[in-house]
């Protein structure tokens, strides 16, 4: 899946945390995806967020496919969270929407 396809699937699945802005930062040239629950929009724009999740693109792909659990990725240091941790916890539901 490309990042553009990810953004489209997340938009279609309304994969955001209601009223919150969560940024997924894939690092370097892979860029970001901003889940703006306040505007009910998913984009590749970088901006201020209540929570920033830093994860490599390959690790994210494994998480989205259900091959890597988010908590396991966090404990292994593959996923880092800046800001409100509860928003990050709610992303398990976001990932479930991507698999359906």
PDB file of N, CA and C in Angstrom:
ATOM      1  N   UNK A   1       0.846  -1.169   0.000  1.00  0.00           N
ATOM      2  CA  UNK A   1       0.000   0.000   0.000  1.00  0.00           C
ATOM      3  C   UNK A   1       0.899   1.242   0.000  1.00  0.00           C
ATOM      4  N   UNK A   2       0.561   2.195  -0.845  1.00  0.00           N
ATOM      5  CA  UNK A   2       1.303   3.454  -0.848  1.00  0.00           C
ATOM      6  C   UNK A   2       0.734   4.378   0.225  1.00  0.00           C
ATOM      7  N   UNK A   3       1.451   5.441   0.515  1.00  0.00           N
ATOM      8  CA  UNK A   3       0.949   6.387   1.527  1.00  0.00           C
ATOM      9  C   UNK A   3      -0.333   7.050   1.038  1.00  0.00           C
ATOM     10  N   UNK A   4      -0.427   7.360  -0.252  1.00  0.00           N
ATOM     11  CA  UNK A   4      -1.645   7.961  -0.801  1.00  0.00           C
ATOM     12  C   UNK A   4      -2.835   7.013  -0.647  1.00  0.00           C
ATOM     13  N   UNK A   5      -2.613   5.724  -0.900  1.00  0.00           N
ATOM     14  CA  UNK A   5      -3.680   4.737  -0.715  1.00  0.00           C
ATOM     15  C   UNK A   5      -4.084   4.656   0.755  1.00  0.00           C
ATOM     16  N   UNK A   6      -3.099   4.744   1.649  1.00  0.00           N
ATOM     17  CA  UNK A   6      -3.379   4.741   3.086  1.00  0.00           C
ATOM     18  C   UNK A   6      -4.269   5.916   3.454  1.00  0.00           C
ATOM     19  N   UNK A   7      -3.917   7.102   2.979  1.00  0.00           N
ATOM     20  CA  UNK A   7      -4.709   8.304   3.273  1.00  0.00           C
ATOM     21  C   UNK A   7      -6.138   8.133   2.766  1.00  0.00           C
ATOM     22  N   UNK A   8      -6.288   7.625   1.544  1.00  0.00           N
ATOM     23  CA  UNK A   8      -7.628   7.428   0.972  1.00  0.00           C
ATOM     24  C   UNK A   8      -8.438   6.424   1.778  1.00  0.00           C
ATOM     25  N   UNK A   9      -7.815   5.310   2.161  1.00  0.00           N
ATOM     26  CA  UNK A   9      -8.539   4.296   2.955  1.00  0.00           C
ATOM     27  C   UNK A   9      -8.916   4.832   4.327  1.00  0.00           C
ATOM     28  N   UNK A  10      -8.007   5.609   4.944  1.00  0.00           N
ATOM     29  CA  UNK A  10      -8.310   6.174   6.254  1.00  0.00           C
ATOM     30  C   UNK A  10      -9.442   7.195   6.153  1.00  0.00           C
ATOM     31  N   UNK A  11      -9.454   7.984   5.090  1.00  0.00           N
ATOM     32  CA  UNK A  11     -10.531   8.966   4.897  1.00  0.00           C
ATOM     33  C   UNK A  11     -11.861   8.241   4.709  1.00  0.00           C
ATOM     34  N   UNK A  12     -11.875   7.229   3.846  1.00  0.00           N
ATOM     35  CA  UNK A  12     -13.104   6.475   3.599  1.00  0.00           C
ATOM     36  C   UNK A  12     -13.601   5.780   4.859  1.00  0.00           C
ATOM     37  N   UNK A  13     -12.675   5.257   5.664  1.00  0.00           N
ATOM     38  CA  UNK A  13     -13.044   4.544   6.882  1.00  0.00           C
ATOM     39  C   UNK A  13     -13.234   5.446   8.088  1.00  0.00           C
ATOM     40  N   UNK A  14     -13.126   6.766   7.868  1.00  0.00           N
ATOM     41  CA  UNK A  14     -13.229   7.740   8.966  1.00  0.00           C
ATOM     42  C   UNK A  14     -12.327   7.327  10.120  1.00  0.00           C
ATOM     43  N   UNK A  15     -11.074   7.040   9.771  1.00  0.00           N
ATOM     44  CA  UNK A  15     -10.093   6.515  10.721  1.00  0.00           C
ATOM     45  C   UNK A  15      -9.387   7.644  11.458  1.00  0.00           C
ATOM     46  N   UNK A  16     -10.114   8.292  12.362  1.00  0.00           N
ATOM     47  CA  UNK A  16      -9.528   9.336  13.186  1.00  0.00           C
ATOM     48  C   UNK A  16     -10.118   9.249  14.574  1.00  0.00           C
ATOM     49  N   UNK A  17      -9.502   9.957  15.511  1.00  0.00           N
ATOM     50  CA  UNK A  17     -10.000  10.022  16.884  1.00  0.00           C
ATOM     51  C   UNK A  17     -10.855  11.284  16.962  1.00  0.00           C
ATOM     52  N   UNK A  18     -12.114  11.137  17.295  1.00  0.00           N
ATOM     53  CA  UNK A  18     -13.064  12.257  17.291  1.00  0.00           C
ATOM     54  C   UNK A  18     -12.546  13.450  18.091  1.00  0.00           C
ATOM     55  N   UNK A  19     -12.532  14.618  17.438  1.00  0.00           N
ATOM     56  CA  UNK A  19     -12.161  15.861  18.093  1.00  0.00           C
ATOM     57  C   UNK A  19     -10.672  16.040  18.354  1.00  0.00           C
ATOM     58  N   UNK A  20      -9.847  15.089  17.939  1.00  0.00           N
ATOM     59  CA  UNK A  20      -8.404  15.143  18.212  1.00  0.00           C
ATOM     60  C   UNK A  20      -7.614  15.133  16.911  1.00  0.00           C
ATOM     61  N   UNK A  21      -6.426  15.712  16.980  1.00  0.00           N
ATOM     62  CA  UNK A  21      -5.499  15.690  15.841  1.00  0.00           C
ATOM     63  C   UNK A  21      -4.341  14.767  16.198  1.00  0.00           C
ATOM     64  N   UNK A  22      -4.196  13.695  15.419  1.00  0.00           N
ATOM     65  CA  UNK A  22      -3.140  12.716  15.645  1.00  0.00           C
ATOM     66  C   UNK A  22      -2.280  12.656  14.381  1.00  0.00           C
ATOM     67  N   UNK A  23      -0.987  12.849  14.569  1.00  0.00           N
ATOM     68  CA  UNK A  23      -0.060  12.810  13.446  1.00  0.00           C
ATOM     69  C   UNK A  23       0.748  11.519  13.523  1.00  0.00           C
ATOM     70  N   UNK A  24       0.831  10.829  12.396  1.00  0.00           N
ATOM     71  CA  UNK A  24       1.676   9.652  12.287  1.00  0.00           C
ATOM     72  C   UNK A  24       2.880  10.074  11.465  1.00  0.00           C
ATOM     73  N   UNK A  25       4.034  10.085  12.105  1.00  0.00           N
ATOM     74  CA  UNK A  25       5.276  10.534  11.476  1.00  0.00           C
ATOM     75  C   UNK A  25       6.094   9.307  11.109  1.00  0.00           C
ATOM     76  N   UNK A  26       6.256   9.074   9.800  1.00  0.00           N
ATOM     77  CA  UNK A  26       6.987   7.903   9.328  1.00  0.00           C
ATOM     78  C   UNK A  26       8.483   8.172   9.226  1.00  0.00           C
ATOM     79  N   UNK A  27       8.882   9.410   9.449  1.00  0.00           N
ATOM     80  CA  UNK A  27      10.298   9.769   9.448  1.00  0.00           C
ATOM     81  C   UNK A  27      10.850  10.049   8.064  1.00  0.00           C
ATOM     82  N   UNK A  28      11.821  10.935   8.036  1.00  0.00           N
ATOM     83  CA  UNK A  28      12.563  11.237   6.812  1.00  0.00           C
ATOM     84  C   UNK A  28      11.708  11.492   5.600  1.00  0.00           C
ATOM     85  N   UNK A  29      12.041  10.820   4.518  1.00  0.00           N
ATOM     86  CA  UNK A  29      11.366  11.052   3.241  1.00  0.00           C
ATOM     87  C   UNK A  29       9.970  10.426   3.172  1.00  0.00           C
ATOM     88  N   UNK A  30       9.607   9.596   4.151  1.00  0.00           N
ATOM     89  CA  UNK A  30       8.289   8.965   4.134  1.00  0.00           C
ATOM     90  C   UNK A  30       7.181   9.905   4.593  1.00  0.00           C
ATOM     91  N   UNK A  31       7.538  11.018   5.250  1.00  0.00           N
ATOM     92  CA  UNK A  31       6.557  12.045   5.595  1.00  0.00           C
ATOM     93  C   UNK A  31       5.616  11.682   6.721  1.00  0.00           C
ATOM     94  N   UNK A  32       4.438  12.314   6.691  1.00  0.00           N
ATOM     95  CA  UNK A  32       3.460  12.174   7.766  1.00  0.00           C
ATOM     96  C   UNK A  32       2.063  11.950   7.197  1.00  0.00           C
ATOM     97  N   UNK A  33       1.183  11.479   8.071  1.00  0.00           N
ATOM     98  CA  UNK A  33      -0.251  11.447   7.809  1.00  0.00           C
ATOM     99  C   UNK A  33      -0.900  12.099   9.019  1.00  0.00           C
ATOM    100  N   UNK A  34      -1.770  13.067   8.781  1.00  0.00           N
ATOM    101  CA  UNK A  34      -2.453  13.774   9.858  1.00  0.00           C
ATOM    102  C   UNK A  34      -3.906  13.336   9.890  1.00  0.00           C
ATOM    103  N   UNK A  35      -4.302  12.742  11.013  1.00  0.00           N
ATOM    104  CA  UNK A  35      -5.687  12.324  11.231  1.00  0.00           C
ATOM    105  C   UNK A  35      -6.353  13.425  12.030  1.00  0.00           C
ATOM    106  N   UNK A  36      -7.113  14.264  11.358  1.00  0.00           N
ATOM    107  CA  UNK A  36      -7.731  15.428  12.006  1.00  0.00           C
ATOM    108  C   UNK A  36      -9.179  15.114  12.336  1.00  0.00           C
ATOM    109  N   UNK A  37      -9.399  14.650  13.558  1.00  0.00           N
ATOM    110  CA  UNK A  37     -10.738  14.298  13.997  1.00  0.00           C
ATOM    111  C   UNK A  37     -11.633  15.507  14.180  1.00  0.00           C
ATOM    112  N   UNK A  38     -11.046  16.683  14.388  1.00  0.00           N
ATOM    113  CA  UNK A  38     -11.841  17.913  14.528  1.00  0.00           C
ATOM    114  C   UNK A  38     -12.450  18.296  13.173  1.00  0.00           C
ATOM    115  N   UNK A  39     -11.663  18.188  12.104  1.00  0.00           N
ATOM    116  CA  UNK A  39     -12.135  18.532  10.760  1.00  0.00           C
ATOM    117  C   UNK A  39     -12.655  17.297  10.008  1.00  0.00           C
ATOM    118  N   UNK A  40     -12.557  16.120  10.632  1.00  0.00           N
ATOM    119  CA  UNK A  40     -12.950  14.847  10.026  1.00  0.00           C
ATOM    120  C   UNK A  40     -12.290  14.678   8.660  1.00  0.00           C
ATOM    121  N   UNK A  41     -10.961  14.766   8.684  1.00  0.00           N
ATOM    122  CA  UNK A  41     -10.193  14.736   7.450  1.00  0.00           C
ATOM    123  C   UNK A  41      -8.852  14.054   7.683  1.00  0.00           C
ATOM    124  N   UNK A  42      -8.383  13.322   6.691  1.00  0.00           N
ATOM    125  CA  UNK A  42      -7.072  12.692   6.720  1.00  0.00           C
ATOM    126  C   UNK A  42      -6.262  13.301   5.585  1.00  0.00           C
ATOM    127  N   UNK A  43      -5.023  13.717   5.888  1.00  0.00           N
ATOM    128  CA  UNK A  43      -4.192  14.339   4.853  1.00  0.00           C
ATOM    129  C   UNK A  43      -2.727  13.994   5.074  1.00  0.00           C
ATOM    130  N   UNK A  44      -1.906  14.394   4.110  1.00  0.00           N
ATOM    131  CA  UNK A  44      -0.465  14.225   4.224  1.00  0.00           C
ATOM    132  C   UNK A  44       0.191  15.521   4.687  1.00  0.00           C
ATOM    133  N   UNK A  45      -0.613  16.456   5.163  1.00  0.00           N
ATOM    134  CA  UNK A  45      -0.084  17.730   5.632  1.00  0.00           C
ATOM    135  C   UNK A  45       0.533  17.581   7.012  1.00  0.00           C
ATOM    136  N   UNK A  46       1.644  18.281   7.203  1.00  0.00           N
ATOM    137  CA  UNK A  46       2.273  18.310   8.521  1.00  0.00           C
ATOM    138  C   UNK A  46       1.679  19.490   9.277  1.00  0.00           C
ATOM    139  N   UNK A  47       1.424  19.331  10.541  1.00  0.00           N
ATOM    140  CA  UNK A  47       0.855  20.409  11.331  1.00  0.00           C
ATOM    141  C   UNK A  47       0.843  20.033  12.800  1.00  0.00           C
ATOM    142  N   UNK A  48       0.348  20.964  13.601  1.00  0.00           N
ATOM    143  CA  UNK A  48       0.245  20.736  15.043  1.00  0.00           C
ATOM    144  C   UNK A  48      -0.711  19.578  15.318  1.00  0.00           C
ATOM    145  N   UNK A  49      -0.393  18.801  16.353  1.00  0.00           N
ATOM    146  CA  UNK A  49      -1.226  17.658  16.701  1.00  0.00           C
ATOM    147  C   UNK A  49      -1.261  17.479  18.214  1.00  0.00           C
ATOM    148  N   UNK A  50      -2.349  16.884  18.711  1.00  0.00           N
ATOM    149  CA  UNK A  50      -2.454  16.555  20.135  1.00  0.00           C
ATOM    150  C   UNK A  50      -1.507  15.409  20.478  1.00  0.00           C
ATOM    151  N   UNK A  51      -1.311  14.510  19.519  1.00  0.00           N
ATOM    152  CA  UNK A  51      -0.451  13.342  19.703  1.00  0.00           C
ATOM    153  C   UNK A  51       0.327  13.090  18.418  1.00  0.00           C
ATOM    154  N   UNK A  52       1.614  12.821  18.559  1.00  0.00           N
ATOM    155  CA  UNK A  52       2.435  12.429  17.413  1.00  0.00           C
ATOM    156  C   UNK A  52       2.957  11.025  17.651  1.00  0.00           C
ATOM    157  N   UNK A  53       2.720  10.176  16.678  1.00  0.00           N
ATOM    158  CA  UNK A  53       3.201   8.799  16.739  1.00  0.00           C
ATOM    159  C   UNK A  53       4.320   8.672  15.717  1.00  0.00           C
ATOM    160  N   UNK A  54       5.479   8.256  16.180  1.00  0.00           N
ATOM    161  CA  UNK A  54       6.629   8.083  15.292  1.00  0.00           C
ATOM    162  C   UNK A  54       6.841   6.577  15.092  1.00  0.00           C
ATOM    163  N   UNK A  55       6.767   6.179  13.828  1.00  0.00           N
ATOM    164  CA  UNK A  55       6.909   4.759  13.493  1.00  0.00           C
ATOM    165  C   UNK A  55       7.426   4.661  12.055  1.00  0.00           C
ATOM    166  N   UNK A  56       8.295   3.701  11.800  1.00  0.00           N
ATOM    167  CA  UNK A  56       8.793   3.490  10.448  1.00  0.00           C
ATOM    168  C   UNK A  56       7.689   2.980   9.534  1.00  0.00           C
ATOM    169  N   UNK A  57       7.790   3.299   8.254  1.00  0.00           N
ATOM    170  CA  UNK A  57       6.770   2.888   7.283  1.00  0.00           C
ATOM    171  C   UNK A  57       6.599   1.367   7.258  1.00  0.00           C
ATOM    172  N   UNK A  58       7.701   0.619   7.267  1.00  0.00           N
ATOM    173  CA  UNK A  58       7.604  -0.841   7.227  1.00  0.00           C
ATOM    174  C   UNK A  58       6.906  -1.392   8.470  1.00  0.00           C
ATOM    175  N   UNK A  59       7.230  -0.824   9.632  1.00  0.00           N
ATOM    176  CA  UNK A  59       6.572  -1.262  10.872  1.00  0.00           C
ATOM    177  C   UNK A  59       5.080  -0.923  10.833  1.00  0.00           C
ATOM    178  N   UNK A  60       4.751   0.258  10.295  1.00  0.00           N
ATOM    179  CA  UNK A  60       3.344   0.655  10.183  1.00  0.00           C
ATOM    180  C   UNK A  60       2.591  -0.328   9.276  1.00  0.00           C
ATOM    181  N   UNK A  61       3.215  -0.721   8.165  1.00  0.00           N
ATOM    182  CA  UNK A  61       2.582  -1.667   7.247  1.00  0.00           C
ATOM    183  C   UNK A  61       2.274  -2.986   7.969  1.00  0.00           C
ATOM    184  N   UNK A  62       3.222  -3.435   8.803  1.00  0.00           N
ATOM    185  CA  UNK A  62       3.005  -4.671   9.560  1.00  0.00           C
ATOM    186  C   UNK A  62       1.874  -4.500  10.569  1.00  0.00           C
ATOM    187  N   UNK A  63       1.813  -3.334  11.206  1.00  0.00           N
ATOM    188  CA  UNK A  63       0.731  -3.079  12.162  1.00  0.00           C
ATOM    189  C   UNK A  63      -0.618  -3.037  11.448  1.00  0.00           C
ATOM    190  N   UNK A  64      -0.678  -2.370  10.310  1.00  0.00           N
ATOM    191  CA  UNK A  64      -1.926  -2.252   9.564  1.00  0.00           C
ATOM    192  C   UNK A  64      -2.408  -3.614   9.068  1.00  0.00           C
ATOM    193  N   UNK A  65      -1.472  -4.515   8.786  1.00  0.00           N
ATOM    194  CA  UNK A  65      -1.823  -5.854   8.308  1.00  0.00           C
ATOM    195  C   UNK A  65      -2.138  -6.819   9.461  1.00  0.00           C
ATOM    196  N   UNK A  66      -1.960  -6.351  10.705  1.00  0.00           N
ATOM    197  CA  UNK A  66      -2.224  -7.210  11.851  1.00  0.00           C
ATOM    198  C   UNK A  66      -1.069  -8.134  12.192  1.00  0.00           C
ATOM    199  N   UNK A  67       0.090  -7.910  11.577  1.00  0.00           N
ATOM    200  CA  UNK A  67       1.247  -8.765  11.832  1.00  0.00           C
ATOM    201  C   UNK A  67       2.084  -8.272  12.999  1.00  0.00           C
ATOM    202  N   UNK A  68       1.881  -7.017  13.410  1.00  0.00           N
ATOM    203  CA  UNK A  68       2.619  -6.435  14.532  1.00  0.00           C
ATOM    204  C   UNK A  68       1.634  -5.677  15.402  1.00  0.00           C
ATOM    205  N   UNK A  69       1.570  -6.044  16.662  1.00  0.00           N
ATOM    206  CA  UNK A  69       0.686  -5.392  17.618  1.00  0.00           C
ATOM    207  C   UNK A  69       1.271  -4.039  18.024  1.00  0.00           C
ATOM    208  N   UNK A  70       0.414  -3.024  18.138  1.00  0.00           N
ATOM    209  CA  UNK A  70       0.866  -1.683  18.496  1.00  0.00           C
ATOM    210  C   UNK A  70       1.590  -1.630  19.828  1.00  0.00           C
ATOM    211  N   UNK A  71       1.084  -2.337  20.818  1.00  0.00           N
ATOM    212  CA  UNK A  71       1.721  -2.335  22.133  1.00  0.00           C
ATOM    213  C   UNK A  71       3.089  -3.009  22.069  1.00  0.00           C
ATOM    214  N   UNK A  72       3.182  -4.083  21.303  1.00  0.00           N
ATOM    215  CA  UNK A  72       4.465  -4.760  21.128  1.00  0.00           C
ATOM    216  C   UNK A  72       5.462  -3.830  20.443  1.00  0.00           C
ATOM    217  N   UNK A  73       5.003  -3.127  19.407  1.00  0.00           N
ATOM    218  CA  UNK A  73       5.873  -2.180  18.695  1.00  0.00           C
ATOM    219  C   UNK A  73       6.354  -1.088  19.647  1.00  0.00           C
ATOM    220  N   UNK A  74       5.467  -0.624  20.529  1.00  0.00           N
ATOM    221  CA  UNK A  74       5.827   0.410  21.502  1.00  0.00           C
ATOM    222  C   UNK A  74       6.887  -0.122  22.466  1.00  0.00           C
ATOM    223  N   UNK A  75       6.668  -1.322  22.987  1.00  0.00           N
ATOM    224  CA  UNK A  75       7.597  -1.916  23.956  1.00  0.00           C
ATOM    225  C   UNK A  75       8.963  -2.199  23.326  1.00  0.00           C
ATOM    226  N   UNK A  76       8.981  -2.498  22.024  1.00  0.00           N
ATOM    227  CA  UNK A  76      10.226  -2.777  21.318  1.00  0.00           C
ATOM    228  C   UNK A  76      10.929  -1.499  20.866  1.00  0.00           C
ATOM    229  N   UNK A  77      10.293  -0.356  21.082  1.00  0.00           N
ATOM    230  CA  UNK A  77      10.890   0.911  20.666  1.00  0.00           C
ATOM    231  C   UNK A  77      10.694   1.216  19.193  1.00  0.00           C
ATOM    232  N   UNK A  78       9.863   0.435  18.512  1.00  0.00           N
ATOM    233  CA  UNK A  78       9.591   0.684  17.097  1.00  0.00           C
ATOM    234  C   UNK A  78       8.548   1.767  16.904  1.00  0.00           C
ATOM    235  N   UNK A  79       7.813   2.073  17.959  1.00  0.00           N
ATOM    236  CA  UNK A  79       6.764   3.079  17.924  1.00  0.00           C
ATOM    237  C   UNK A  79       6.953   3.982  19.136  1.00  0.00           C
ATOM    238  N   UNK A  80       6.986   5.289  18.898  1.00  0.00           N
ATOM    239  CA  UNK A  80       7.160   6.249  19.981  1.00  0.00           C
ATOM    240  C   UNK A  80       5.979   7.214  19.962  1.00  0.00           C
ATOM    241  N   UNK A  81       5.544   7.660  21.142  1.00  0.00           N
ATOM    242  CA  UNK A  81       4.391   8.539  21.247  1.00  0.00           C
ATOM    243  C   UNK A  81       4.783   9.818  21.969  1.00  0.00           C
ATOM    244  N   UNK A  82       4.483  10.958  21.345  1.00  0.00           N
ATOM    245  CA  UNK A  82       4.649  12.271  21.972  1.00  0.00           C
ATOM    246  C   UNK A  82       3.260  12.859  22.146  1.00  0.00           C
ATOM    247  N   UNK A  83       2.945  13.321  23.355  1.00  0.00           N
ATOM    248  CA  UNK A  83       1.640  13.931  23.593  1.00  0.00           C
ATOM    249  C   UNK A  83       0.717  12.988  24.347  1.00  0.00           C
ATOM    250  N   UNK A  84      -0.570  13.118  24.074  1.00  0.00           N
ATOM    251  CA  UNK A  84      -1.618  12.398  24.788  1.00  0.00           C
ATOM    252  C   UNK A  84      -1.631  10.913  24.403  1.00  0.00           C
ATOM    253  N   UNK A  85      -1.181  10.077  25.319  1.00  0.00           N
ATOM    254  CA  UNK A  85      -1.078   8.635  25.070  1.00  0.00           C
ATOM    255  C   UNK A  85      -2.449   7.997  24.811  1.00  0.00           C
ATOM    256  N   UNK A  86      -3.520   8.521  25.402  1.00  0.00           N
ATOM    257  CA  UNK A  86      -4.836   7.912  25.206  1.00  0.00           C
ATOM    258  C   UNK A  86      -5.270   7.989  23.739  1.00  0.00           C
ATOM    259  N   UNK A  87      -4.855   9.043  23.035  1.00  0.00           N
ATOM    260  CA  UNK A  87      -5.175   9.130  21.603  1.00  0.00           C
ATOM    261  C   UNK A  87      -4.472   8.007  20.838  1.00  0.00           C
ATOM    262  N   UNK A  88      -3.238   7.730  21.219  1.00  0.00           N
ATOM    263  CA  UNK A  88      -2.490   6.652  20.572  1.00  0.00           C
ATOM    264  C   UNK A  88      -3.168   5.307  20.828  1.00  0.00           C
ATOM    265  N   UNK A  89      -3.666   5.112  22.038  1.00  0.00           N
ATOM    266  CA  UNK A  89      -4.330   3.855  22.380  1.00  0.00           C
ATOM    267  C   UNK A  89      -5.578   3.653  21.517  1.00  0.00           C
ATOM    268  N   UNK A  90      -6.270   4.746  21.207  1.00  0.00           N
ATOM    269  CA  UNK A  90      -7.488   4.653  20.402  1.00  0.00           C
ATOM    270  C   UNK A  90      -7.193   4.293  18.948  1.00  0.00           C
ATOM    271  N   UNK A  91      -5.938   4.400  18.539  1.00  0.00           N
ATOM    272  CA  UNK A  91      -5.589   4.063  17.162  1.00  0.00           C
ATOM    273  C   UNK A  91      -5.697   2.575  16.870  1.00  0.00           C
ATOM    274  N   UNK A  92      -5.797   1.731  17.898  1.00  0.00           N
ATOM    275  CA  UNK A  92      -6.028   0.303  17.651  1.00  0.00           C
ATOM    276  C   UNK A  92      -7.324   0.149  16.850  1.00  0.00           C
ATOM    277  N   UNK A  93      -8.326   0.953  17.199  1.00  0.00           N
ATOM    278  CA  UNK A  93      -9.585   0.940  16.454  1.00  0.00           C
ATOM    279  C   UNK A  93      -9.402   1.451  15.036  1.00  0.00           C
ATOM    280  N   UNK A  94      -8.517   2.419  14.869  1.00  0.00           N
ATOM    281  CA  UNK A  94      -8.224   2.945  13.545  1.00  0.00           C
ATOM    282  C   UNK A  94      -7.632   1.842  12.672  1.00  0.00           C
ATOM    283  N   UNK A  95      -6.683   1.104  13.224  1.00  0.00           N
ATOM    284  CA  UNK A  95      -6.064   0.012  12.472  1.00  0.00           C
ATOM    285  C   UNK A  95      -7.072  -1.065  12.115  1.00  0.00           C
ATOM    286  N   UNK A  96      -8.010  -1.331  13.020  1.00  0.00           N
ATOM    287  CA  UNK A  96      -9.040  -2.323  12.741  1.00  0.00           C
ATOM    288  C   UNK A  96      -9.884  -1.892  11.546  1.00  0.00           C
ATOM    289  N   UNK A  97     -10.155  -0.585  11.408  1.00  0.00           N
ATOM    290  CA  UNK A  97     -10.925  -0.085  10.273  1.00  0.00           C
ATOM    291  C   UNK A  97     -10.174  -0.288   8.969  1.00  0.00           C
ATOM    292  N   UNK A  98      -8.861  -0.226   9.001  1.00  0.00           N
ATOM    293  CA  UNK A  98      -8.059  -0.419   7.782  1.00  0.00           C
ATOM    294  C   UNK A  98      -8.104  -1.864   7.315  1.00  0.00           C
ATOM    295  N   UNK A  99      -8.238  -2.790   8.247  1.00  0.00           N
ATOM    296  CA  UNK A  99      -8.239  -4.216   7.893  1.00  0.00           C
ATOM    297  C   UNK A  99      -9.598  -4.691   7.406  1.00  0.00           C
ATOM    298  N   UNK A 100     -10.647  -3.942   7.712  1.00  0.00           N
ATOM    299  CA  UNK A 100     -11.991  -4.406   7.329  1.00  0.00           C
ATOM    300  C   UNK A 100     -12.346  -4.051   5.904  1.00  0.00           C
TER     301      UNK A 100
END
